[in-house]
Amino acid sequence: MLQIIVHYVLHILAPGLIAWFFFRAHWSKVWLILLLTMTVDLDHLIMFPNIFVSDRCSVGFHLLHSYWAISIYILALFWRKTRIIAAGLIFHMITDWLDCFWMIY
């Protein structure tokens, strides 16, 4: 249960805090963009019928969570027009990567 709470707090509230601290003038627009990057989880539906499975490490398992995709997200940081989206996707991957450690315990 704690894993699910931490997971969704990091997916929903943490992007809001990031938007507030780094993009205060346009924080609500940036927060919305960061929340929209969660649509990357639609690849979960292609391979598995559940969005969140507590004993599965999404990173490296799903297409849009693959290391190839993550490298594209990192490259997208270098272009101004894609920077916020790329940051949201990378933060999303870090959040999903943290779930991999719950599997150990």
C-alpha atoms as a PDB file:
ATOM      1  CA  MET A   1       0.000   0.000   0.000  1.00  0.00           C
ATOM      2  CA  LEU A   2       2.844   2.393   0.860  1.00  0.00           C
ATOM      3  CA  GLN A   3       4.412   1.702  -2.538  1.00  0.00           C
ATOM      4  CA  ILE A   4       1.228   2.748  -4.341  1.00  0.00           C
ATOM      5  CA  ILE A   5       0.967   5.953  -2.300  1.00  0.00           C
ATOM      6  CA  VAL A   6       4.609   6.888  -2.929  1.00  0.00           C
ATOM      7  CA  HIS A   7       4.269   6.023  -6.627  1.00  0.00           C
ATOM      8  CA  TYR A   8       1.262   8.229  -7.264  1.00  0.00           C
ATOM      9  CA  VAL A   9       2.464  11.095  -5.057  1.00  0.00           C
ATOM     10  CA  LEU A  10       5.631  11.182  -7.156  1.00  0.00           C
ATOM     11  CA  HIS A  11       3.599  11.029 -10.367  1.00  0.00           C
ATOM     12  CA  ILE A  12       1.044  13.705  -9.440  1.00  0.00           C
ATOM     13  CA  LEU A  13       2.182  15.989  -6.621  1.00  0.00           C
ATOM     14  CA  ALA A  14       5.937  16.067  -7.248  1.00  0.00           C
ATOM     15  CA  PRO A  15       5.511  17.451 -10.808  1.00  0.00           C
ATOM     16  CA  GLY A  16       3.340  20.185  -9.306  1.00  0.00           C
ATOM     17  CA  LEU A  17       6.122  21.096  -6.880  1.00  0.00           C
ATOM     18  CA  ILE A  18       8.687  21.032  -9.682  1.00  0.00           C
ATOM     19  CA  ALA A  19       6.465  23.315 -11.765  1.00  0.00           C
ATOM     20  CA  TRP A  20       5.933  25.668  -8.813  1.00  0.00           C
ATOM     21  CA  PHE A  21       9.621  25.995  -7.919  1.00  0.00           C
ATOM     22  CA  PHE A  22      11.143  26.161 -11.401  1.00  0.00           C
ATOM     23  CA  PHE A  23       8.379  27.689 -13.533  1.00  0.00           C
ATOM     24  CA  ARG A  24       6.469  29.852 -11.073  1.00  0.00           C
ATOM     25  CA  ALA A  25       5.181  32.283 -13.704  1.00  0.00           C
ATOM     26  CA  HIS A  26       3.555  29.451 -15.678  1.00  0.00           C
ATOM     27  CA  TRP A  27       3.421  26.715 -13.035  1.00  0.00           C
ATOM     28  CA  SER A  28      -0.102  25.478 -13.827  1.00  0.00           C
ATOM     29  CA  LYS A  29       0.633  25.088 -17.542  1.00  0.00           C
ATOM     30  CA  VAL A  30       3.926  23.309 -16.820  1.00  0.00           C
ATOM     31  CA  TRP A  31       2.233  21.044 -14.254  1.00  0.00           C
ATOM     32  CA  LEU A  32      -0.365  20.094 -16.833  1.00  0.00           C
ATOM     33  CA  ILE A  33       2.370  19.280 -19.358  1.00  0.00           C
ATOM     34  CA  LEU A  34       4.193  17.195 -16.754  1.00  0.00           C
ATOM     35  CA  LEU A  35       0.972  15.357 -15.913  1.00  0.00           C
ATOM     36  CA  LEU A  36       0.337  14.702 -19.594  1.00  0.00           C
ATOM     37  CA  THR A  37       3.685  12.928 -19.819  1.00  0.00           C
ATOM     38  CA  MET A  38       2.029  10.170 -17.780  1.00  0.00           C
ATOM     39  CA  THR A  39       0.333   9.084 -20.989  1.00  0.00           C
ATOM     40  CA  VAL A  40       3.594   7.251 -21.581  1.00  0.00           C
ATOM     41  CA  ASP A  41       2.031   4.585 -19.335  1.00  0.00           C
ATOM     42  CA  LEU A  42      -0.326   3.614 -22.142  1.00  0.00           C
ATOM     43  CA  ASP A  43       2.374   1.212 -23.261  1.00  0.00           C
ATOM     44  CA  HIS A  44       1.505  -0.845 -20.171  1.00  0.00           C
ATOM     45  CA  LEU A  45      -1.807  -1.708 -21.815  1.00  0.00           C
ATOM     46  CA  ILE A  46      -0.078  -3.138 -24.886  1.00  0.00           C
ATOM     47  CA  MET A  47       1.940  -5.727 -22.980  1.00  0.00           C
ATOM     48  CA  PHE A  48      -0.030  -6.181 -19.784  1.00  0.00           C
ATOM     49  CA  PRO A  49      -3.652  -5.431 -18.924  1.00  0.00           C
ATOM     50  CA  ASN A  50      -2.816  -3.387 -15.831  1.00  0.00           C
ATOM     51  CA  ILE A  51      -1.410   0.123 -15.561  1.00  0.00           C
ATOM     52  CA  PHE A  52       0.307  -0.515 -12.223  1.00  0.00           C
ATOM     53  CA  VAL A  53       1.591  -3.881 -11.070  1.00  0.00           C
ATOM     54  CA  SER A  54       3.510  -3.637  -7.819  1.00  0.00           C
ATOM     55  CA  ASP A  55       5.857  -6.570  -8.496  1.00  0.00           C
ATOM     56  CA  ARG A  56       6.912  -5.490 -11.988  1.00  0.00           C
ATOM     57  CA  CYS A  57       9.756  -3.176 -12.942  1.00  0.00           C
ATOM     58  CA  SER A  58       8.414  -1.056 -15.803  1.00  0.00           C
ATOM     59  CA  VAL A  59      11.804   0.343 -16.804  1.00  0.00           C
ATOM     60  CA  GLY A  60      13.269  -1.877 -19.461  1.00  0.00           C
ATOM     61  CA  PHE A  61      10.046  -3.894 -19.732  1.00  0.00           C
ATOM     62  CA  HIS A  62       7.654  -1.672 -21.676  1.00  0.00           C
ATOM     63  CA  LEU A  63       8.336  -0.073 -25.067  1.00  0.00           C
ATOM     64  CA  LEU A  64       8.143   3.557 -23.935  1.00  0.00           C
ATOM     65  CA  HIS A  65      10.033   2.669 -20.755  1.00  0.00           C
ATOM     66  CA  SER A  66      12.890   1.005 -22.670  1.00  0.00           C
ATOM     67  CA  TYR A  67      16.463   2.203 -22.445  1.00  0.00           C
ATOM     68  CA  TRP A  68      16.274   3.320 -26.087  1.00  0.00           C
ATOM     69  CA  ALA A  69      13.262   5.491 -25.324  1.00  0.00           C
ATOM     70  CA  ILE A  70      14.920   6.905 -22.208  1.00  0.00           C
ATOM     71  CA  SER A  71      17.976   7.875 -24.252  1.00  0.00           C
ATOM     72  CA  ILE A  72      15.683   9.784 -26.640  1.00  0.00           C
ATOM     73  CA  TYR A  73      14.077  11.545 -23.665  1.00  0.00           C
ATOM     74  CA  ILE A  74      17.543  12.578 -22.453  1.00  0.00           C
ATOM     75  CA  LEU A  75      18.475  13.894 -25.906  1.00  0.00           C
ATOM     76  CA  ALA A  76      15.216  15.865 -26.015  1.00  0.00           C
ATOM     77  CA  LEU A  77      16.446  17.861 -23.011  1.00  0.00           C
ATOM     78  CA  PHE A  78      18.847  19.691 -25.310  1.00  0.00           C
ATOM     79  CA  TRP A  79      16.080  21.327 -27.380  1.00  0.00           C
ATOM     80  CA  ARG A  80      14.180  24.168 -25.824  1.00  0.00           C
ATOM     81  CA  LYS A  81      10.825  23.206 -27.379  1.00  0.00           C
ATOM     82  CA  THR A  82      10.926  19.679 -25.956  1.00  0.00           C
ATOM     83  CA  ARG A  83      12.722  20.360 -22.657  1.00  0.00           C
ATOM     84  CA  ILE A  84       9.700  20.375 -20.310  1.00  0.00           C
ATOM     85  CA  ILE A  85       8.192  17.274 -21.915  1.00  0.00           C
ATOM     86  CA  ALA A  86      11.558  15.515 -21.772  1.00  0.00           C
ATOM     87  CA  ALA A  87      12.001  16.472 -18.121  1.00  0.00           C
ATOM     88  CA  GLY A  88       8.542  15.098 -17.331  1.00  0.00           C
ATOM     89  CA  LEU A  89       9.287  11.838 -19.131  1.00  0.00           C
ATOM     90  CA  ILE A  90      12.635  11.449 -17.376  1.00  0.00           C
ATOM     91  CA  PHE A  91      11.079  12.195 -13.987  1.00  0.00           C
ATOM     92  CA  HIS A  92       8.410   9.608 -14.841  1.00  0.00           C
ATOM     93  CA  MET A  93      11.095   7.022 -15.631  1.00  0.00           C
ATOM     94  CA  ILE A  94      12.895   7.770 -12.367  1.00  0.00           C
ATOM     95  CA  THR A  95       9.631   7.347 -10.469  1.00  0.00           C
ATOM     96  CA  ASP A  96       8.948   4.025 -12.198  1.00  0.00           C
ATOM     97  CA  TRP A  97      12.551   2.959 -11.639  1.00  0.00           C
ATOM     98  CA  LEU A  98      12.087   3.480  -7.896  1.00  0.00           C
ATOM     99  CA  ASP A  99       9.368   0.803  -8.054  1.00  0.00           C
ATOM    100  CA  CYS A 100      12.061  -1.686  -9.032  1.00  0.00           C
ATOM    101  CA  PHE A 101      13.568  -1.341  -5.551  1.00  0.00           C
ATOM    102  CA  TRP A 102      10.279  -2.193  -3.835  1.00  0.00           C
ATOM    103  CA  MET A 103      10.513  -5.594  -5.506  1.00  0.00           C
ATOM    104  CA  ILE A 104      13.728  -6.340  -3.586  1.00  0.00           C
ATOM    105  CA  TYR A 105      12.056  -5.933  -0.208  1.00  0.00           C
END
